[in-house]
Amino acid sequence: MTIDRLTQQNIGDLAFPCALRKSRWIRHPQLYRDKALAYLQTVLDRHIFGYIAVDGTNPVGQILVSPIRRAGVPVQSVRINVLAVLCTWIDHKRSRQKIGCALIDAAADGFPDAAGLLVVDTHAPESLPVDVYHKLGFQPVSENVDRSIVYFPITESSVDVDFYTPKLEWDHVKPFTFIRRDVCPFMIQLSDTQRRVAGMFHDLLPTEEIPYEDARIRSDTVIPGFYVYGKRVPADITTARPLKRYIRQAIRDESRKMFGTAARPHFEQNL
């Protein structure tokens, strides 16, 4: 097995093997992999860097990292040279072959002056469980029911970070706002599900879609995702039915702010 750095020359053959493995988390693997590849080609070696574990010609693991300020994670660090791990994937059939350790070591060796690697785990069902990162040498920084933050030291033994709640902080925010960053096949599929559900409310509520790079210019407290009335939909809402419930409740809450508890606007009565 070898660890190769992802480049513009090998990305098409090697990147996102996770999407092509049989998985209950993704319905159209080639479609979403192609979309993720198209985005990664525009940012690779600029603010996203990747390493791939290869056995012969077969990819068996992948890691993507990014400088913390460009990573799209809801964490601020006093040290700008912290790298965020955007994703780690290991072929489950090879889970006892230290592929994860080799990927982490490759990322650390590739950035020897970095303070360390940081993972913000929102407990999304398709992501690598945080206890796997513990086994790979990551130290706990913060943990609650919504998220876990773990850290792998390179030049700094520890790091102070502040978690913030993602929100849109500019004028005239649309009720539905998509902050798009197509760096993950699974997240692209989730965005398509969110758009489909949002379309059910299209006659009631206007929608806006903004690339993440543009949204960063407007606000420092924004990360990729789907926002309803300026608040990001929680990461554990990944299917249509709970998303509909979330949107309906958000509309009710917003209408009560606007009209009070006694009034029931026409659109709320039709939810």
C-alpha atoms as a PDB file:
ATOM      1  CA  MET A   1       0.000   0.000   0.000  1.00  0.00           C
ATOM      2  CA  THR A   2       1.164   3.526  -0.814  1.00  0.00           C
ATOM      3  CA  ILE A   3      -0.063   6.981   0.203  1.00  0.00           C
ATOM      4  CA  ASP A   4      -0.263   9.390  -2.728  1.00  0.00           C
ATOM      5  CA  ARG A   5      -1.010  13.097  -2.667  1.00  0.00           C
ATOM      6  CA  LEU A   6      -4.021  14.009  -4.771  1.00  0.00           C
ATOM      7  CA  THR A   7      -3.057  16.042  -7.835  1.00  0.00           C
ATOM      8  CA  GLN A   8      -4.817  17.346 -10.916  1.00  0.00           C
ATOM      9  CA  GLN A   9      -3.299  14.398 -12.779  1.00  0.00           C
ATOM     10  CA  ASN A  10      -4.615  11.583 -10.552  1.00  0.00           C
ATOM     11  CA  ILE A  11      -7.756  13.101  -9.048  1.00  0.00           C
ATOM     12  CA  GLY A  12     -10.098  11.667 -11.666  1.00  0.00           C
ATOM     13  CA  ASP A  13      -8.920   8.100 -11.040  1.00  0.00           C
ATOM     14  CA  LEU A  14      -8.459   8.196  -7.279  1.00  0.00           C
ATOM     15  CA  ALA A  15     -10.602  10.806  -5.474  1.00  0.00           C
ATOM     16  CA  PHE A  16     -13.845  10.007  -3.629  1.00  0.00           C
ATOM     17  CA  PRO A  17     -13.680   6.194  -3.695  1.00  0.00           C
ATOM     18  CA  CYS A  18     -16.228   6.364  -0.850  1.00  0.00           C
ATOM     19  CA  ALA A  19     -18.969   7.302  -3.314  1.00  0.00           C
ATOM     20  CA  LEU A  20     -18.361   4.238  -5.480  1.00  0.00           C
ATOM     21  CA  ARG A  21     -18.495   1.731  -2.650  1.00  0.00           C
ATOM     22  CA  LYS A  22     -21.850   0.123  -1.997  1.00  0.00           C
ATOM     23  CA  SER A  23     -23.474   2.341   0.607  1.00  0.00           C
ATOM     24  CA  ARG A  24     -26.952   2.989   1.919  1.00  0.00           C
ATOM     25  CA  TRP A  25     -26.008   6.658   2.263  1.00  0.00           C
ATOM     26  CA  ILE A  26     -25.791   7.474  -1.438  1.00  0.00           C
ATOM     27  CA  ARG A  27     -28.284   6.724  -4.210  1.00  0.00           C
ATOM     28  CA  HIS A  28     -26.522   7.875  -7.402  1.00  0.00           C
ATOM     29  CA  PRO A  29     -22.812   7.383  -6.691  1.00  0.00           C
ATOM     30  CA  GLN A  30     -21.326   8.272 -10.081  1.00  0.00           C
ATOM     31  CA  LEU A  31     -23.459  11.395 -10.432  1.00  0.00           C
ATOM     32  CA  TYR A  32     -22.503  12.813  -7.038  1.00  0.00           C
ATOM     33  CA  ARG A  33     -18.858  11.775  -7.361  1.00  0.00           C
ATOM     34  CA  ASP A  34     -18.616  13.609 -10.688  1.00  0.00           C
ATOM     35  CA  LYS A  35     -20.074  16.772  -9.122  1.00  0.00           C
ATOM     36  CA  ALA A  36     -17.655  16.590  -6.200  1.00  0.00           C
ATOM     37  CA  LEU A  37     -14.735  16.014  -8.574  1.00  0.00           C
ATOM     38  CA  ALA A  38     -15.683  19.037 -10.657  1.00  0.00           C
ATOM     39  CA  TYR A  39     -15.575  21.238  -7.542  1.00  0.00           C
ATOM     40  CA  LEU A  40     -12.405  19.711  -6.082  1.00  0.00           C
ATOM     41  CA  GLN A  41     -10.537  20.313  -9.330  1.00  0.00           C
ATOM     42  CA  THR A  42     -11.102  24.060  -8.898  1.00  0.00           C
ATOM     43  CA  VAL A  43      -9.734  24.236  -5.337  1.00  0.00           C
ATOM     44  CA  LEU A  44      -7.213  21.393  -5.042  1.00  0.00           C
ATOM     45  CA  ASP A  45      -3.833  22.605  -3.739  1.00  0.00           C
ATOM     46  CA  ARG A  46      -5.279  26.097  -3.255  1.00  0.00           C
ATOM     47  CA  HIS A  47      -7.255  25.626  -0.047  1.00  0.00           C
ATOM     48  CA  ILE A  48      -8.068  21.917  -0.046  1.00  0.00           C
ATOM     49  CA  PHE A  49      -5.380  19.220  -0.005  1.00  0.00           C
ATOM     50  CA  GLY A  50      -5.830  15.487  -0.225  1.00  0.00           C
ATOM     51  CA  TYR A  51      -4.081  12.178   0.291  1.00  0.00           C
ATOM     52  CA  ILE A  52      -5.200   8.795  -0.946  1.00  0.00           C
ATOM     53  CA  ALA A  53      -4.246   5.282   0.192  1.00  0.00           C
ATOM     54  CA  VAL A  54      -3.794   2.977  -2.791  1.00  0.00           C
ATOM     55  CA  ASP A  55      -3.357  -0.788  -2.876  1.00  0.00           C
ATOM     56  CA  GLY A  56      -2.153  -1.533  -6.390  1.00  0.00           C
ATOM     57  CA  THR A  57      -4.644   0.518  -8.403  1.00  0.00           C
ATOM     58  CA  ASN A  58      -7.404   0.266  -5.817  1.00  0.00           C
ATOM     59  CA  PRO A  59      -8.072   3.303  -3.538  1.00  0.00           C
ATOM     60  CA  VAL A  60      -8.673   2.107   0.028  1.00  0.00           C
ATOM     61  CA  GLY A  61      -8.624   5.370   1.988  1.00  0.00           C
ATOM     62  CA  GLN A  62      -8.792   9.153   1.624  1.00  0.00           C
ATOM     63  CA  ILE A  63      -8.293  12.285   3.698  1.00  0.00           C
ATOM     64  CA  LEU A  64      -9.017  15.905   2.749  1.00  0.00           C
ATOM     65  CA  VAL A  65      -7.685  18.822   4.820  1.00  0.00           C
ATOM     66  CA  SER A  66      -8.007  22.600   4.619  1.00  0.00           C
ATOM     67  CA  PRO A  67      -6.721  25.639   6.537  1.00  0.00           C
ATOM     68  CA  ILE A  68      -9.148  26.293   9.370  1.00  0.00           C
ATOM     69  CA  ARG A  69     -10.296  29.666   8.020  1.00  0.00           C
ATOM     70  CA  ARG A  70     -11.235  28.171   4.641  1.00  0.00           C
ATOM     71  CA  ALA A  71     -12.586  24.873   5.906  1.00  0.00           C
ATOM     72  CA  GLY A  72     -16.259  25.707   6.357  1.00  0.00           C
ATOM     73  CA  VAL A  73     -16.429  24.350   9.910  1.00  0.00           C
ATOM     74  CA  PRO A  74     -18.063  26.269  12.808  1.00  0.00           C
ATOM     75  CA  VAL A  75     -14.837  26.732  14.767  1.00  0.00           C
ATOM     76  CA  GLN A  76     -12.542  29.698  15.237  1.00  0.00           C
ATOM     77  CA  SER A  77      -8.948  29.227  16.337  1.00  0.00           C
ATOM     78  CA  VAL A  78      -6.459  31.768  17.583  1.00  0.00           C
ATOM     79  CA  ARG A  79      -3.874  29.912  15.504  1.00  0.00           C
ATOM     80  CA  ILE A  80      -4.332  30.335  11.778  1.00  0.00           C
ATOM     81  CA  ASN A  81      -2.037  27.422  10.957  1.00  0.00           C
ATOM     82  CA  VAL A  82      -4.463  24.777  12.204  1.00  0.00           C
ATOM     83  CA  LEU A  83      -5.686  22.402   9.502  1.00  0.00           C
ATOM     84  CA  ALA A  84      -9.247  21.094   9.562  1.00  0.00           C
ATOM     85  CA  VAL A  85      -9.925  17.551   8.418  1.00  0.00           C
ATOM     86  CA  LEU A  86     -12.849  17.790   6.005  1.00  0.00           C
ATOM     87  CA  CYS A  87     -13.293  14.052   5.588  1.00  0.00           C
ATOM     88  CA  THR A  88     -11.602  10.768   6.272  1.00  0.00           C
ATOM     89  CA  TRP A  89     -12.700   7.583   4.565  1.00  0.00           C
ATOM     90  CA  ILE A  90     -11.314   4.083   5.129  1.00  0.00           C
ATOM     91  CA  ASP A  91     -12.461   0.975   3.290  1.00  0.00           C
ATOM     92  CA  HIS A  92     -14.247  -0.941   6.055  1.00  0.00           C
ATOM     93  CA  LYS A  93     -12.843  -4.215   4.710  1.00  0.00           C
ATOM     94  CA  ARG A  94      -9.350  -2.876   5.463  1.00  0.00           C
ATOM     95  CA  SER A  95     -10.111  -1.326   8.842  1.00  0.00           C
ATOM     96  CA  ARG A  96      -7.403  -3.236  10.739  1.00  0.00           C
ATOM     97  CA  GLN A  97      -4.547  -2.379   8.366  1.00  0.00           C
ATOM     98  CA  LYS A  98      -3.613   1.027   9.878  1.00  0.00           C
ATOM     99  CA  ILE A  99      -4.762   2.907   6.793  1.00  0.00           C
ATOM    100  CA  GLY A 100      -6.142   5.714   8.945  1.00  0.00           C
ATOM    101  CA  CYS A 101      -2.803   6.150  10.740  1.00  0.00           C
ATOM    102  CA  ALA A 102      -0.975   6.272   7.404  1.00  0.00           C
ATOM    103  CA  LEU A 103      -3.343   8.961   6.071  1.00  0.00           C
ATOM    104  CA  ILE A 104      -3.022  11.109   9.203  1.00  0.00           C
ATOM    105  CA  ASP A 105       0.772  10.769   9.122  1.00  0.00           C
ATOM    106  CA  ALA A 106       0.815  11.781   5.442  1.00  0.00           C
ATOM    107  CA  ALA A 107      -1.223  14.905   6.150  1.00  0.00           C
ATOM    108  CA  ALA A 108       1.016  15.794   9.103  1.00  0.00           C
ATOM    109  CA  ASP A 109       4.185  15.194   7.055  1.00  0.00           C
ATOM    110  CA  GLY A 110       2.790  17.295   4.224  1.00  0.00           C
ATOM    111  CA  PHE A 111       2.383  20.304   6.554  1.00  0.00           C
ATOM    112  CA  PRO A 112       5.245  20.015   9.052  1.00  0.00           C
ATOM    113  CA  ASP A 113       4.850  23.634  10.211  1.00  0.00           C
ATOM    114  CA  ALA A 114       1.139  23.334  10.999  1.00  0.00           C
ATOM    115  CA  ALA A 115       0.006  23.453  14.622  1.00  0.00           C
ATOM    116  CA  GLY A 116      -2.091  20.337  14.168  1.00  0.00           C
ATOM    117  CA  LEU A 117      -5.153  18.714  12.621  1.00  0.00           C
ATOM    118  CA  LEU A 118      -8.648  19.457  13.908  1.00  0.00           C
ATOM    119  CA  VAL A 119     -11.843  17.456  13.372  1.00  0.00           C
ATOM    120  CA  VAL A 120     -15.303  18.882  14.046  1.00  0.00           C
ATOM    121  CA  ASP A 121     -17.641  15.893  14.123  1.00  0.00           C
ATOM    122  CA  THR A 122     -21.337  16.782  14.002  1.00  0.00           C
ATOM    123  CA  HIS A 123     -22.330  13.117  14.416  1.00  0.00           C
ATOM    124  CA  ALA A 124     -23.739  12.945  10.887  1.00  0.00           C
ATOM    125  CA  PRO A 125     -24.524   9.288  10.144  1.00  0.00           C
ATOM    126  CA  GLU A 126     -22.254   9.000   7.098  1.00  0.00           C
ATOM    127  CA  SER A 127     -19.145  10.485   8.748  1.00  0.00           C
ATOM    128  CA  LEU A 128     -16.308   8.595  10.422  1.00  0.00           C
ATOM    129  CA  PRO A 129     -17.221   8.099  14.119  1.00  0.00           C
ATOM    130  CA  VAL A 130     -15.270  10.259  16.529  1.00  0.00           C
ATOM    131  CA  ASP A 131     -14.042   7.255  18.510  1.00  0.00           C
ATOM    132  CA  VAL A 132     -12.107   6.167  15.400  1.00  0.00           C
ATOM    133  CA  TYR A 133     -10.258   9.499  15.498  1.00  0.00           C
ATOM    134  CA  HIS A 134      -9.427   8.830  19.152  1.00  0.00           C
ATOM    135  CA  LYS A 135      -7.810   5.562  18.078  1.00  0.00           C
ATOM    136  CA  LEU A 136      -5.823   7.469  15.440  1.00  0.00           C
ATOM    137  CA  GLY A 137      -4.236   9.667  18.115  1.00  0.00           C
ATOM    138  CA  PHE A 138      -6.616  12.627  18.239  1.00  0.00           C
ATOM    139  CA  GLN A 139      -7.203  14.281  21.608  1.00  0.00           C
ATOM    140  CA  PRO A 140     -10.640  15.478  22.764  1.00  0.00           C
ATOM    141  CA  VAL A 141     -11.043  19.268  22.822  1.00  0.00           C
ATOM    142  CA  SER A 142     -14.782  19.707  23.283  1.00  0.00           C
ATOM    143  CA  GLU A 143     -17.804  17.443  23.215  1.00  0.00           C
ATOM    144  CA  ASN A 144     -21.563  17.690  23.658  1.00  0.00           C
ATOM    145  CA  VAL A 145     -24.684  16.137  22.144  1.00  0.00           C
ATOM    146  CA  ASP A 146     -24.346  18.195  18.939  1.00  0.00           C
ATOM    147  CA  ARG A 147     -20.670  17.882  18.142  1.00  0.00           C
ATOM    148  CA  SER A 148     -17.242  16.595  19.110  1.00  0.00           C
ATOM    149  CA  ILE A 149     -13.987  18.436  18.460  1.00  0.00           C
ATOM    150  CA  VAL A 150     -10.741  16.449  18.462  1.00  0.00           C
ATOM    151  CA  TYR A 151      -7.151  17.493  17.751  1.00  0.00           C
ATOM    152  CA  PHE A 152      -4.020  15.805  16.449  1.00  0.00           C
ATOM    153  CA  PRO A 153      -0.832  17.724  17.401  1.00  0.00           C
ATOM    154  CA  ILE A 154       1.936  18.405  14.887  1.00  0.00           C
ATOM    155  CA  THR A 155       3.966  21.315  16.288  1.00  0.00           C
ATOM    156  CA  GLU A 156       1.596  22.435  19.076  1.00  0.00           C
ATOM    157  CA  SER A 157       0.550  19.991  21.785  1.00  0.00           C
ATOM    158  CA  SER A 158      -2.842  21.663  22.255  1.00  0.00           C
ATOM    159  CA  VAL A 159      -5.013  24.331  20.686  1.00  0.00           C
ATOM    160  CA  ASP A 160      -7.732  26.664  21.926  1.00  0.00           C
ATOM    161  CA  VAL A 161     -10.824  26.847  19.744  1.00  0.00           C
ATOM    162  CA  ASP A 162     -14.201  28.533  19.982  1.00  0.00           C
ATOM    163  CA  PHE A 163     -17.282  26.908  18.543  1.00  0.00           C
ATOM    164  CA  TYR A 164     -19.898  29.223  17.070  1.00  0.00           C
ATOM    165  CA  THR A 165     -23.462  28.660  15.889  1.00  0.00           C
ATOM    166  CA  PRO A 166     -23.592  29.066  12.095  1.00  0.00           C
ATOM    167  CA  LYS A 167     -25.955  31.848  11.024  1.00  0.00           C
ATOM    168  CA  LEU A 168     -26.440  34.388   8.275  1.00  0.00           C
ATOM    169  CA  GLU A 169     -25.658  37.901   9.424  1.00  0.00           C
ATOM    170  CA  TRP A 170     -26.452  40.162   6.500  1.00  0.00           C
ATOM    171  CA  ASP A 171     -29.455  42.261   5.578  1.00  0.00           C
ATOM    172  CA  HIS A 172     -32.458  40.862   3.729  1.00  0.00           C
ATOM    173  CA  VAL A 173     -31.753  37.179   4.335  1.00  0.00           C
ATOM    174  CA  LYS A 174     -34.145  35.002   2.344  1.00  0.00           C
ATOM    175  CA  PRO A 175     -36.251  32.470   4.299  1.00  0.00           C
ATOM    176  CA  PHE A 176     -34.461  29.647   2.464  1.00  0.00           C
ATOM    177  CA  THR A 177     -30.745  30.050   1.747  1.00  0.00           C
ATOM    178  CA  PHE A 178     -28.410  27.405   0.366  1.00  0.00           C
ATOM    179  CA  ILE A 179     -24.699  27.989   0.984  1.00  0.00           C
ATOM    180  CA  ARG A 180     -23.172  25.641  -1.543  1.00  0.00           C
ATOM    181  CA  ARG A 181     -19.841  23.845  -1.431  1.00  0.00           C
ATOM    182  CA  ASP A 182     -19.746  20.645  -3.465  1.00  0.00           C
ATOM    183  CA  VAL A 183     -16.741  19.070  -1.788  1.00  0.00           C
ATOM    184  CA  CYS A 184     -18.459  15.849  -0.662  1.00  0.00           C
ATOM    185  CA  PRO A 185     -20.673  13.448  -2.673  1.00  0.00           C
ATOM    186  CA  PHE A 186     -22.798  12.729   0.378  1.00  0.00           C
ATOM    187  CA  MET A 187     -23.337  16.422   1.117  1.00  0.00           C
ATOM    188  CA  ILE A 188     -24.266  17.103  -2.511  1.00  0.00           C
ATOM    189  CA  GLN A 189     -26.923  14.401  -2.258  1.00  0.00           C
ATOM    190  CA  LEU A 190     -28.178  15.961   0.986  1.00  0.00           C
ATOM    191  CA  SER A 191     -28.362  19.372  -0.723  1.00  0.00           C
ATOM    192  CA  ASP A 192     -30.479  17.865  -3.499  1.00  0.00           C
ATOM    193  CA  THR A 193     -32.854  16.413  -0.893  1.00  0.00           C
ATOM    194  CA  GLN A 194     -33.044  19.783   0.840  1.00  0.00           C
ATOM    195  CA  ARG A 195     -33.802  21.573  -2.436  1.00  0.00           C
ATOM    196  CA  ARG A 196     -36.539  19.102  -3.247  1.00  0.00           C
ATOM    197  CA  VAL A 197     -38.198  19.614   0.126  1.00  0.00           C
ATOM    198  CA  ALA A 198     -37.741  23.390  -0.005  1.00  0.00           C
ATOM    199  CA  GLY A 199     -39.455  23.331  -3.399  1.00  0.00           C
ATOM    200  CA  MET A 200     -42.638  22.128  -1.690  1.00  0.00           C
ATOM    201  CA  PHE A 201     -42.772  25.528   0.048  1.00  0.00           C
ATOM    202  CA  HIS A 202     -41.615  27.549  -2.957  1.00  0.00           C
ATOM    203  CA  ASP A 203     -44.916  29.399  -3.418  1.00  0.00           C
ATOM    204  CA  LEU A 204     -44.731  30.607   0.193  1.00  0.00           C
ATOM    205  CA  LEU A 205     -41.071  31.419   0.739  1.00  0.00           C
ATOM    206  CA  PRO A 206     -38.344  32.864  -1.530  1.00  0.00           C
ATOM    207  CA  THR A 207     -35.044  31.013  -1.900  1.00  0.00           C
ATOM    208  CA  GLU A 208     -31.467  32.097  -2.509  1.00  0.00           C
ATOM    209  CA  GLU A 209     -28.397  30.029  -3.410  1.00  0.00           C
ATOM    210  CA  ILE A 210     -24.896  31.379  -2.739  1.00  0.00           C
ATOM    211  CA  PRO A 211     -21.491  29.732  -3.320  1.00  0.00           C
ATOM    212  CA  TYR A 212     -19.621  29.323  -0.047  1.00  0.00           C
ATOM    213  CA  GLU A 213     -16.672  31.415  -1.228  1.00  0.00           C
ATOM    214  CA  ASP A 214     -19.048  34.362  -1.852  1.00  0.00           C
ATOM    215  CA  ALA A 215     -20.907  33.867   1.430  1.00  0.00           C
ATOM    216  CA  ARG A 216     -17.616  34.066   3.385  1.00  0.00           C
ATOM    217  CA  ILE A 217     -17.192  37.611   2.131  1.00  0.00           C
ATOM    218  CA  ARG A 218     -20.555  38.578   3.634  1.00  0.00           C
ATOM    219  CA  SER A 219     -20.178  36.880   7.024  1.00  0.00           C
ATOM    220  CA  ASP A 220     -17.571  35.147   9.186  1.00  0.00           C
ATOM    221  CA  THR A 221     -20.210  32.964  10.850  1.00  0.00           C
ATOM    222  CA  VAL A 222     -21.388  31.048   7.811  1.00  0.00           C
ATOM    223  CA  ILE A 223     -20.537  27.504   6.772  1.00  0.00           C
ATOM    224  CA  PRO A 224     -21.939  25.418   3.909  1.00  0.00           C
ATOM    225  CA  GLY A 225     -25.466  24.122   4.394  1.00  0.00           C
ATOM    226  CA  PHE A 226     -29.179  24.883   4.212  1.00  0.00           C
ATOM    227  CA  TYR A 227     -30.441  27.819   6.264  1.00  0.00           C
ATOM    228  CA  VAL A 228     -34.056  28.462   7.214  1.00  0.00           C
ATOM    229  CA  TYR A 229     -34.688  32.028   8.415  1.00  0.00           C
ATOM    230  CA  GLY A 230     -30.942  32.483   8.810  1.00  0.00           C
ATOM    231  CA  LYS A 231     -30.370  29.389  10.976  1.00  0.00           C
ATOM    232  CA  ARG A 232     -28.578  26.334   9.636  1.00  0.00           C
ATOM    233  CA  VAL A 233     -30.582  23.115   9.550  1.00  0.00           C
ATOM    234  CA  PRO A 234     -28.982  20.686  12.052  1.00  0.00           C
ATOM    235  CA  ALA A 235     -26.556  18.153  10.586  1.00  0.00           C
ATOM    236  CA  ASP A 236     -28.531  15.162  11.831  1.00  0.00           C
ATOM    237  CA  ILE A 237     -31.587  16.069   9.698  1.00  0.00           C
ATOM    238  CA  THR A 238     -30.640  14.199   6.533  1.00  0.00           C
ATOM    239  CA  THR A 239     -33.934  12.883   5.101  1.00  0.00           C
ATOM    240  CA  ALA A 240     -37.082  14.465   3.703  1.00  0.00           C
ATOM    241  CA  ARG A 241     -39.648  13.734   6.409  1.00  0.00           C
ATOM    242  CA  PRO A 242     -37.824  15.260   9.421  1.00  0.00           C
ATOM    243  CA  LEU A 243     -36.762  18.177   7.214  1.00  0.00           C
ATOM    244  CA  LYS A 244     -40.400  18.934   6.362  1.00  0.00           C
ATOM    245  CA  ARG A 245     -41.238  18.914  10.067  1.00  0.00           C
ATOM    246  CA  TYR A 246     -38.323  21.233  10.811  1.00  0.00           C
ATOM    247  CA  ILE A 247     -39.367  23.709   8.106  1.00  0.00           C
ATOM    248  CA  ARG A 248     -43.013  23.713   9.162  1.00  0.00           C
ATOM    249  CA  GLN A 249     -42.050  24.408  12.757  1.00  0.00           C
ATOM    250  CA  ALA A 250     -39.649  27.153  11.676  1.00  0.00           C
ATOM    251  CA  ILE A 251     -42.419  28.821   9.658  1.00  0.00           C
ATOM    252  CA  ARG A 252     -44.807  28.646  12.615  1.00  0.00           C
ATOM    253  CA  ASP A 253     -42.186  30.097  14.948  1.00  0.00           C
ATOM    254  CA  GLU A 254     -41.377  32.907  12.535  1.00  0.00           C
ATOM    255  CA  SER A 255     -45.035  33.776  11.912  1.00  0.00           C
ATOM    256  CA  ARG A 256     -45.665  34.027  15.652  1.00  0.00           C
ATOM    257  CA  LYS A 257     -42.741  36.439  15.941  1.00  0.00           C
ATOM    258  CA  MET A 258     -44.247  38.571  13.189  1.00  0.00           C
ATOM    259  CA  PHE A 259     -47.965  38.354  14.001  1.00  0.00           C
ATOM    260  CA  GLY A 260     -48.177  37.176  17.617  1.00  0.00           C
ATOM    261  CA  THR A 261     -49.701  34.015  18.987  1.00  0.00           C
ATOM    262  CA  ALA A 262     -53.298  35.077  18.346  1.00  0.00           C
ATOM    263  CA  ALA A 263     -52.935  35.725  14.632  1.00  0.00           C
ATOM    264  CA  ARG A 264     -52.545  32.855  12.189  1.00  0.00           C
ATOM    265  CA  PRO A 265     -51.534  34.037   8.737  1.00  0.00           C
ATOM    266  CA  HIS A 266     -53.078  32.307   5.733  1.00  0.00           C
ATOM    267  CA  PHE A 267     -49.856  30.565   4.755  1.00  0.00           C
ATOM    268  CA  GLU A 268     -49.444  29.069   8.256  1.00  0.00           C
ATOM    269  CA  GLN A 269     -52.963  27.640   8.177  1.00  0.00           C
ATOM    270  CA  ASN A 270     -52.028  25.792   4.984  1.00  0.00           C
ATOM    271  CA  LEU A 271     -48.897  24.109   6.314  1.00  0.00           C
END
